[in-house]
Amino acid sequence: MSDRAIFEVIATSAEDAVAAAAGGADRLELCTDMAADGLTPDLAEFARIRAAVHVPLRVMLRDGDGFLVRDVDALCARAEALRAEGADEFVLGFLTPDGSVDLPTVRTVLQAIPGCRWTFHRALDNAVSRDEVRAAIDGLPGLDTVLTAGSAAGVVAGMDVLEDEVARSGKPGYGPRILVGGGLKTEHVPRLRAAGIDGFHVGTMVREAGWNSPLDAGRVQQWRRLLDAAPLAA
């Protein structure tokens, strides 16, 4: 576990990406349509972002609100097109209607992006059983990160879960880095860092007035300084 926290910022445009990188973001999560909590971005916008910045880019693979896939073949085709355009890191996670992990769909999508690193996102927080999800995805090729708030209700409700799960890091099902996001605020950082968390993810917190306002490089820089100043657990 690194002493320096990784800081991932959501970007929906090349302008967002430039501001986030200028403020000190380590990595960007690329999405569109944040009213639906983030869908797969347009291929042309991905190309613009890739040309504009030189930080790692994780591209969302999601075709509708919630965690059900509407058209897996179409989603795989978009993933393949993004891969051909240069995308090599992704974000995904799918559930069945009953709230179990949709492992067949996850595996199918992964076949479209062989060799790529990826994040299993907050489908984990919305599943019936976190333990079952973690066991099911354990060892999937390329999985290196789990994005979670510890609870579907956000970080405030999930703090105890996050502390418990980071304490299990490295055990079966708990190999991937925990990236905390979902209602994350600056006041949560000291406790999370003290617990051993070294990954943080924000979106609206680096904007003046939600998704309809531009990403603020100054706010990104404030977060970067806060994360660098907060001590990690020994």
C-alpha atoms as a PDB file:
ATOM      1  CA  MET A   1       0.000   0.000   0.000  1.00  0.00           C
ATOM      2  CA  SER A   2       1.444   3.354  -1.038  1.00  0.00           C
ATOM      3  CA  ASP A   3       1.913   6.193   1.422  1.00  0.00           C
ATOM      4  CA  ARG A   4       0.631   8.589  -1.237  1.00  0.00           C
ATOM      5  CA  ALA A   5      -3.100   8.326  -1.891  1.00  0.00           C
ATOM      6  CA  ILE A   6      -4.296   7.891  -5.449  1.00  0.00           C
ATOM      7  CA  PHE A   7      -6.814  10.580  -6.359  1.00  0.00           C
ATOM      8  CA  GLU A   8      -9.318   9.816  -9.125  1.00  0.00           C
ATOM      9  CA  VAL A   9     -11.653  12.489 -10.509  1.00  0.00           C
ATOM     10  CA  ILE A  10     -14.710  12.039 -12.745  1.00  0.00           C
ATOM     11  CA  ALA A  11     -14.401  13.851 -16.069  1.00  0.00           C
ATOM     12  CA  THR A  12     -17.168  14.191 -18.651  1.00  0.00           C
ATOM     13  CA  SER A  13     -15.291  16.256 -21.239  1.00  0.00           C
ATOM     14  CA  ALA A  14     -11.814  17.206 -22.405  1.00  0.00           C
ATOM     15  CA  GLU A  15     -12.196  20.517 -20.557  1.00  0.00           C
ATOM     16  CA  ASP A  16     -12.909  18.613 -17.324  1.00  0.00           C
ATOM     17  CA  ALA A  17      -9.930  16.384 -17.948  1.00  0.00           C
ATOM     18  CA  VAL A  18      -7.513  19.273 -18.454  1.00  0.00           C
ATOM     19  CA  ALA A  19      -8.709  20.980 -15.253  1.00  0.00           C
ATOM     20  CA  ALA A  20      -8.514  17.763 -13.216  1.00  0.00           C
ATOM     21  CA  ALA A  21      -5.007  16.976 -14.427  1.00  0.00           C
ATOM     22  CA  ALA A  22      -3.887  20.548 -13.762  1.00  0.00           C
ATOM     23  CA  GLY A  23      -5.178  20.283 -10.188  1.00  0.00           C
ATOM     24  CA  GLY A  24      -3.226  17.130  -9.469  1.00  0.00           C
ATOM     25  CA  ALA A  25      -5.596  14.223 -10.179  1.00  0.00           C
ATOM     26  CA  ASP A  26      -3.709  10.955 -10.581  1.00  0.00           C
ATOM     27  CA  ARG A  27      -6.348   9.328 -12.746  1.00  0.00           C
ATOM     28  CA  LEU A  28      -9.662  10.182 -14.398  1.00  0.00           C
ATOM     29  CA  GLU A  29     -12.878   8.204 -14.616  1.00  0.00           C
ATOM     30  CA  LEU A  30     -14.532   9.059 -17.924  1.00  0.00           C
ATOM     31  CA  CYS A  31     -18.330   9.100 -18.102  1.00  0.00           C
ATOM     32  CA  THR A  32     -21.207  10.843 -19.764  1.00  0.00           C
ATOM     33  CA  ASP A  33     -24.816  11.458 -18.669  1.00  0.00           C
ATOM     34  CA  MET A  34     -24.293  11.920 -14.956  1.00  0.00           C
ATOM     35  CA  ALA A  35     -28.069  12.209 -14.494  1.00  0.00           C
ATOM     36  CA  ALA A  36     -27.934   8.428 -14.970  1.00  0.00           C
ATOM     37  CA  ASP A  37     -24.945   8.161 -12.598  1.00  0.00           C
ATOM     38  CA  GLY A  38     -22.448   7.878 -15.446  1.00  0.00           C
ATOM     39  CA  LEU A  39     -22.649   6.024 -18.760  1.00  0.00           C
ATOM     40  CA  THR A  40     -20.084   5.062 -21.394  1.00  0.00           C
ATOM     41  CA  PRO A  41     -18.659   8.168 -23.049  1.00  0.00           C
ATOM     42  CA  ASP A  42     -18.800   8.927 -26.741  1.00  0.00           C
ATOM     43  CA  LEU A  43     -15.856   7.592 -28.738  1.00  0.00           C
ATOM     44  CA  ALA A  44     -15.043  11.023 -30.167  1.00  0.00           C
ATOM     45  CA  GLU A  45     -15.009  12.621 -26.695  1.00  0.00           C
ATOM     46  CA  PHE A  46     -12.719   9.875 -25.426  1.00  0.00           C
ATOM     47  CA  ALA A  47     -10.352  10.653 -28.292  1.00  0.00           C
ATOM     48  CA  ARG A  48     -10.434  14.369 -27.399  1.00  0.00           C
ATOM     49  CA  ILE A  49      -9.663  13.612 -23.759  1.00  0.00           C
ATOM     50  CA  ARG A  50      -6.864  11.203 -24.597  1.00  0.00           C
ATOM     51  CA  ALA A  51      -5.267  13.842 -26.792  1.00  0.00           C
ATOM     52  CA  ALA A  52      -5.648  16.549 -24.128  1.00  0.00           C
ATOM     53  CA  VAL A  53      -4.115  14.917 -21.052  1.00  0.00           C
ATOM     54  CA  HIS A  54      -1.425  12.447 -20.097  1.00  0.00           C
ATOM     55  CA  VAL A  55      -2.866  10.871 -16.956  1.00  0.00           C
ATOM     56  CA  PRO A  56      -4.394   7.377 -16.808  1.00  0.00           C
ATOM     57  CA  LEU A  57      -8.006   7.194 -17.998  1.00  0.00           C
ATOM     58  CA  ARG A  58     -10.571   4.675 -16.751  1.00  0.00           C
ATOM     59  CA  VAL A  59     -13.561   4.497 -19.060  1.00  0.00           C
ATOM     60  CA  MET A  60     -17.027   3.637 -17.761  1.00  0.00           C
ATOM     61  CA  LEU A  61     -18.783   0.686 -19.433  1.00  0.00           C
ATOM     62  CA  ARG A  62     -22.459   1.120 -18.595  1.00  0.00           C
ATOM     63  CA  ASP A  63     -25.468   1.496 -20.885  1.00  0.00           C
ATOM     64  CA  GLY A  64     -28.222   2.688 -18.550  1.00  0.00           C
ATOM     65  CA  ASP A  65     -29.154   3.820 -15.065  1.00  0.00           C
ATOM     66  CA  GLY A  66     -28.803   1.138 -12.414  1.00  0.00           C
ATOM     67  CA  PHE A  67     -26.672  -1.963 -12.717  1.00  0.00           C
ATOM     68  CA  LEU A  68     -28.513  -4.071 -15.308  1.00  0.00           C
ATOM     69  CA  VAL A  69     -27.109  -4.341 -18.826  1.00  0.00           C
ATOM     70  CA  ARG A  70     -29.621  -3.443 -21.543  1.00  0.00           C
ATOM     71  CA  ASP A  71     -27.677  -4.784 -24.543  1.00  0.00           C
ATOM     72  CA  VAL A  72     -24.497  -6.689 -23.749  1.00  0.00           C
ATOM     73  CA  ASP A  73     -23.522  -7.109 -27.407  1.00  0.00           C
ATOM     74  CA  ALA A  74     -23.770  -3.373 -28.033  1.00  0.00           C
ATOM     75  CA  LEU A  75     -21.828  -2.613 -24.857  1.00  0.00           C
ATOM     76  CA  CYS A  76     -19.081  -5.023 -25.882  1.00  0.00           C
ATOM     77  CA  ALA A  77     -18.926  -3.397 -29.312  1.00  0.00           C
ATOM     78  CA  ARG A  78     -18.469   0.013 -27.685  1.00  0.00           C
ATOM     79  CA  ALA A  79     -15.794  -1.410 -25.399  1.00  0.00           C
ATOM     80  CA  GLU A  80     -13.950  -2.855 -28.388  1.00  0.00           C
ATOM     81  CA  ALA A  81     -14.160   0.474 -30.232  1.00  0.00           C
ATOM     82  CA  LEU A  82     -12.793   2.329 -27.209  1.00  0.00           C
ATOM     83  CA  ARG A  83     -10.019  -0.227 -26.881  1.00  0.00           C
ATOM     84  CA  ALA A  84      -9.132   0.272 -30.533  1.00  0.00           C
ATOM     85  CA  GLU A  85      -9.040   4.044 -29.907  1.00  0.00           C
ATOM     86  CA  GLY A  86      -6.477   3.537 -27.152  1.00  0.00           C
ATOM     87  CA  ALA A  87      -8.472   2.947 -23.957  1.00  0.00           C
ATOM     88  CA  ASP A  88      -6.700   0.437 -21.747  1.00  0.00           C
ATOM     89  CA  GLU A  89      -8.401   0.906 -18.357  1.00  0.00           C
ATOM     90  CA  PHE A  90     -12.110   0.537 -17.640  1.00  0.00           C
ATOM     91  CA  VAL A  91     -14.814   0.692 -14.958  1.00  0.00           C
ATOM     92  CA  LEU A  92     -17.698  -1.810 -14.864  1.00  0.00           C
ATOM     93  CA  GLY A  93     -19.941  -3.912 -12.651  1.00  0.00           C
ATOM     94  CA  PHE A  94     -23.293  -5.580 -13.247  1.00  0.00           C
ATOM     95  CA  LEU A  95     -26.026  -7.056 -11.083  1.00  0.00           C
ATOM     96  CA  THR A  96     -28.943  -9.366 -11.797  1.00  0.00           C
ATOM     97  CA  PRO A  97     -32.501  -8.165 -11.066  1.00  0.00           C
ATOM     98  CA  ASP A  98     -32.347  -9.898  -7.673  1.00  0.00           C
ATOM     99  CA  GLY A  99     -29.201  -7.991  -6.664  1.00  0.00           C
ATOM    100  CA  SER A 100     -26.626 -10.733  -7.165  1.00  0.00           C
ATOM    101  CA  VAL A 101     -23.472 -10.121  -9.183  1.00  0.00           C
ATOM    102  CA  ASP A 102     -24.065 -10.823 -12.893  1.00  0.00           C
ATOM    103  CA  LEU A 103     -20.833 -12.718 -13.345  1.00  0.00           C
ATOM    104  CA  PRO A 104     -21.592 -14.039 -16.862  1.00  0.00           C
ATOM    105  CA  THR A 105     -22.083 -10.488 -18.142  1.00  0.00           C
ATOM    106  CA  VAL A 106     -18.963  -9.260 -16.357  1.00  0.00           C
ATOM    107  CA  ARG A 107     -16.961 -12.068 -17.968  1.00  0.00           C
ATOM    108  CA  THR A 108     -18.463 -11.373 -21.399  1.00  0.00           C
ATOM    109  CA  VAL A 109     -17.531  -7.692 -21.235  1.00  0.00           C
ATOM    110  CA  LEU A 110     -14.032  -8.533 -20.012  1.00  0.00           C
ATOM    111  CA  GLN A 111     -13.552 -10.687 -23.107  1.00  0.00           C
ATOM    112  CA  ALA A 112     -13.984  -7.507 -25.168  1.00  0.00           C
ATOM    113  CA  ILE A 113     -11.118  -5.759 -23.321  1.00  0.00           C
ATOM    114  CA  PRO A 114      -8.435  -8.426 -22.822  1.00  0.00           C
ATOM    115  CA  GLY A 115      -5.306  -7.334 -21.019  1.00  0.00           C
ATOM    116  CA  CYS A 116      -6.895  -4.203 -19.553  1.00  0.00           C
ATOM    117  CA  ARG A 117      -6.941  -3.133 -15.921  1.00  0.00           C
ATOM    118  CA  TRP A 118     -10.339  -2.276 -14.471  1.00  0.00           C
ATOM    119  CA  THR A 119     -12.401  -1.184 -11.480  1.00  0.00           C
ATOM    120  CA  PHE A 120     -15.485  -2.981 -10.178  1.00  0.00           C
ATOM    121  CA  HIS A 121     -17.683  -0.020  -9.264  1.00  0.00           C
ATOM    122  CA  ARG A 122     -20.479   0.669  -6.790  1.00  0.00           C
ATOM    123  CA  ALA A 123     -22.613  -2.217  -7.954  1.00  0.00           C
ATOM    124  CA  LEU A 124     -20.891  -3.714  -4.913  1.00  0.00           C
ATOM    125  CA  ASP A 125     -22.691  -1.269  -2.622  1.00  0.00           C
ATOM    126  CA  ASN A 126     -26.064  -2.100  -4.179  1.00  0.00           C
ATOM    127  CA  ALA A 127     -25.739  -5.878  -4.125  1.00  0.00           C
ATOM    128  CA  VAL A 128     -27.606  -8.152  -1.741  1.00  0.00           C
ATOM    129  CA  SER A 129     -24.337  -9.497  -0.352  1.00  0.00           C
ATOM    130  CA  ARG A 130     -20.984  -7.708  -0.480  1.00  0.00           C
ATOM    131  CA  ASP A 131     -19.180 -10.881   0.536  1.00  0.00           C
ATOM    132  CA  GLU A 132     -20.730 -12.840  -2.332  1.00  0.00           C
ATOM    133  CA  VAL A 133     -19.743 -10.171  -4.842  1.00  0.00           C
ATOM    134  CA  ARG A 134     -16.170 -10.051  -3.599  1.00  0.00           C
ATOM    135  CA  ALA A 135     -15.875 -13.833  -3.686  1.00  0.00           C
ATOM    136  CA  ALA A 136     -17.354 -14.000  -7.196  1.00  0.00           C
ATOM    137  CA  ILE A 137     -15.058 -11.400  -8.739  1.00  0.00           C
ATOM    138  CA  ASP A 138     -11.939 -12.534  -6.895  1.00  0.00           C
ATOM    139  CA  GLY A 139      -9.193 -13.307  -9.384  1.00  0.00           C
ATOM    140  CA  LEU A 140     -10.895 -11.948 -12.483  1.00  0.00           C
ATOM    141  CA  PRO A 141      -8.249 -10.879 -15.005  1.00  0.00           C
ATOM    142  CA  GLY A 142      -7.226  -7.230 -14.768  1.00  0.00           C
ATOM    143  CA  LEU A 143      -9.253  -6.388 -11.653  1.00  0.00           C
ATOM    144  CA  ASP A 144      -7.144  -4.118  -9.468  1.00  0.00           C
ATOM    145  CA  THR A 145      -9.656  -1.732  -7.829  1.00  0.00           C
ATOM    146  CA  VAL A 146     -13.064  -1.753  -6.135  1.00  0.00           C
ATOM    147  CA  LEU A 147     -14.939   1.564  -6.014  1.00  0.00           C
ATOM    148  CA  THR A 148     -17.128   1.660  -2.934  1.00  0.00           C
ATOM    149  CA  ALA A 149     -18.718   3.903  -0.332  1.00  0.00           C
ATOM    150  CA  GLY A 150     -19.247   0.953   1.993  1.00  0.00           C
ATOM    151  CA  SER A 151     -23.007   1.454   1.638  1.00  0.00           C
ATOM    152  CA  ALA A 152     -25.565   2.323  -1.028  1.00  0.00           C
ATOM    153  CA  ALA A 153     -26.371   5.334   1.162  1.00  0.00           C
ATOM    154  CA  GLY A 154     -22.848   6.741   0.863  1.00  0.00           C
ATOM    155  CA  VAL A 155     -19.638   7.080   2.835  1.00  0.00           C
ATOM    156  CA  VAL A 156     -21.241   8.386   6.031  1.00  0.00           C
ATOM    157  CA  ALA A 157     -23.318   5.202   6.323  1.00  0.00           C
ATOM    158  CA  GLY A 158     -20.523   2.952   5.083  1.00  0.00           C
ATOM    159  CA  MET A 159     -17.578   4.137   7.174  1.00  0.00           C
ATOM    160  CA  ASP A 160     -17.497   1.106   9.486  1.00  0.00           C
ATOM    161  CA  VAL A 161     -17.705  -1.261   6.507  1.00  0.00           C
ATOM    162  CA  LEU A 162     -14.856   0.540   4.762  1.00  0.00           C
ATOM    163  CA  GLU A 163     -12.680   0.286   7.866  1.00  0.00           C
ATOM    164  CA  ASP A 164     -13.470  -3.418   8.203  1.00  0.00           C
ATOM    165  CA  GLU A 165     -12.755  -4.161   4.551  1.00  0.00           C
ATOM    166  CA  VAL A 166      -9.454  -2.302   4.372  1.00  0.00           C
ATOM    167  CA  ALA A 167      -8.358  -4.257   7.451  1.00  0.00           C
ATOM    168  CA  ARG A 168      -8.902  -7.424   5.383  1.00  0.00           C
ATOM    169  CA  SER A 169      -6.764  -6.213   2.463  1.00  0.00           C
ATOM    170  CA  GLY A 170      -4.861  -9.032   0.806  1.00  0.00           C
ATOM    171  CA  LYS A 171      -7.141 -11.791   2.077  1.00  0.00           C
ATOM    172  CA  PRO A 172      -9.233 -13.824  -0.420  1.00  0.00           C
ATOM    173  CA  GLY A 173     -11.707 -11.442  -2.069  1.00  0.00           C
ATOM    174  CA  TYR A 174      -9.921  -8.378  -0.702  1.00  0.00           C
ATOM    175  CA  GLY A 175      -6.940  -8.114  -3.009  1.00  0.00           C
ATOM    176  CA  PRO A 176      -8.025  -5.121  -5.125  1.00  0.00           C
ATOM    177  CA  ARG A 177      -7.315  -1.578  -3.880  1.00  0.00           C
ATOM    178  CA  ILE A 178     -10.296   0.099  -2.199  1.00  0.00           C
ATOM    179  CA  LEU A 179     -11.156   3.361  -3.944  1.00  0.00           C
ATOM    180  CA  VAL A 180     -13.595   5.310  -1.772  1.00  0.00           C
ATOM    181  CA  GLY A 181     -16.270   7.327  -3.552  1.00  0.00           C
ATOM    182  CA  GLY A 182     -19.944   8.137  -3.189  1.00  0.00           C
ATOM    183  CA  GLY A 183     -20.788  11.041  -0.923  1.00  0.00           C
ATOM    184  CA  LEU A 184     -17.127  11.451  -0.025  1.00  0.00           C
ATOM    185  CA  LYS A 185     -16.325  14.783   1.654  1.00  0.00           C
ATOM    186  CA  THR A 186     -13.151  16.372   2.914  1.00  0.00           C
ATOM    187  CA  GLU A 187     -14.057  15.759   6.540  1.00  0.00           C
ATOM    188  CA  HIS A 188     -14.056  11.991   5.902  1.00  0.00           C
ATOM    189  CA  VAL A 189     -10.441  11.934   4.742  1.00  0.00           C
ATOM    190  CA  PRO A 190      -8.551  11.889   8.079  1.00  0.00           C
ATOM    191  CA  ARG A 191     -10.482   8.886   9.417  1.00  0.00           C
ATOM    192  CA  LEU A 192     -10.203   6.984   6.142  1.00  0.00           C
ATOM    193  CA  ARG A 193      -6.481   7.663   5.829  1.00  0.00           C
ATOM    194  CA  ALA A 194      -5.948   6.633   9.447  1.00  0.00           C
ATOM    195  CA  ALA A 195      -7.738   3.363   8.655  1.00  0.00           C
ATOM    196  CA  GLY A 196      -5.351   2.676   5.795  1.00  0.00           C
ATOM    197  CA  ILE A 197      -7.395   3.791   2.782  1.00  0.00           C
ATOM    198  CA  ASP A 198      -5.174   5.021  -0.044  1.00  0.00           C
ATOM    199  CA  GLY A 199      -7.680   5.584  -2.879  1.00  0.00           C
ATOM    200  CA  PHE A 200     -10.180   8.448  -3.195  1.00  0.00           C
ATOM    201  CA  HIS A 201     -12.708   9.278  -5.935  1.00  0.00           C
ATOM    202  CA  VAL A 202     -14.778  12.472  -6.363  1.00  0.00           C
ATOM    203  CA  GLY A 203     -17.068  14.121  -8.883  1.00  0.00           C
ATOM    204  CA  THR A 204     -19.353  16.923  -7.735  1.00  0.00           C
ATOM    205  CA  MET A 205     -17.039  17.880  -4.871  1.00  0.00           C
ATOM    206  CA  VAL A 206     -14.652  19.499  -7.343  1.00  0.00           C
ATOM    207  CA  ARG A 207     -17.385  21.539  -9.024  1.00  0.00           C
ATOM    208  CA  GLU A 208     -18.985  24.770  -7.868  1.00  0.00           C
ATOM    209  CA  ALA A 209     -22.606  23.749  -8.411  1.00  0.00           C
ATOM    210  CA  GLY A 210     -22.972  20.105  -9.373  1.00  0.00           C
ATOM    211  CA  TRP A 211     -22.680  18.438 -12.758  1.00  0.00           C
ATOM    212  CA  ASN A 212     -23.915  21.472 -14.682  1.00  0.00           C
ATOM    213  CA  SER A 213     -20.900  23.506 -13.578  1.00  0.00           C
ATOM    214  CA  PRO A 214     -17.331  23.157 -14.872  1.00  0.00           C
ATOM    215  CA  LEU A 215     -14.723  21.172 -13.031  1.00  0.00           C
ATOM    216  CA  ASP A 216     -12.611  23.474 -10.854  1.00  0.00           C
ATOM    217  CA  ALA A 217      -8.852  22.851 -10.949  1.00  0.00           C
ATOM    218  CA  GLY A 218      -8.457  24.795  -7.698  1.00  0.00           C
ATOM    219  CA  ARG A 219     -10.818  22.446  -5.878  1.00  0.00           C
ATOM    220  CA  VAL A 220      -8.933  19.444  -7.247  1.00  0.00           C
ATOM    221  CA  GLN A 221      -5.723  20.983  -5.926  1.00  0.00           C
ATOM    222  CA  GLN A 222      -7.288  21.495  -2.485  1.00  0.00           C
ATOM    223  CA  TRP A 223      -8.223  17.817  -2.361  1.00  0.00           C
ATOM    224  CA  ARG A 224      -4.762  16.804  -3.530  1.00  0.00           C
ATOM    225  CA  ARG A 225      -3.146  18.834  -0.724  1.00  0.00           C
ATOM    226  CA  LEU A 226      -5.540  17.407   1.849  1.00  0.00           C
ATOM    227  CA  LEU A 227      -4.823  13.830   0.796  1.00  0.00           C
ATOM    228  CA  ASP A 228      -1.088  14.421   0.821  1.00  0.00           C
ATOM    229  CA  ALA A 229      -1.256  15.952   4.307  1.00  0.00           C
ATOM    230  CA  ALA A 230      -3.445  13.282   5.935  1.00  0.00           C
ATOM    231  CA  PRO A 231      -1.310  10.538   7.524  1.00  0.00           C
ATOM    232  CA  LEU A 232      -1.788   6.942   6.466  1.00  0.00           C
ATOM    233  CA  ALA A 233      -2.062   4.249   9.122  1.00  0.00           C
ATOM    234  CA  ALA A 234       1.254   2.716  10.067  1.00  0.00           C
END
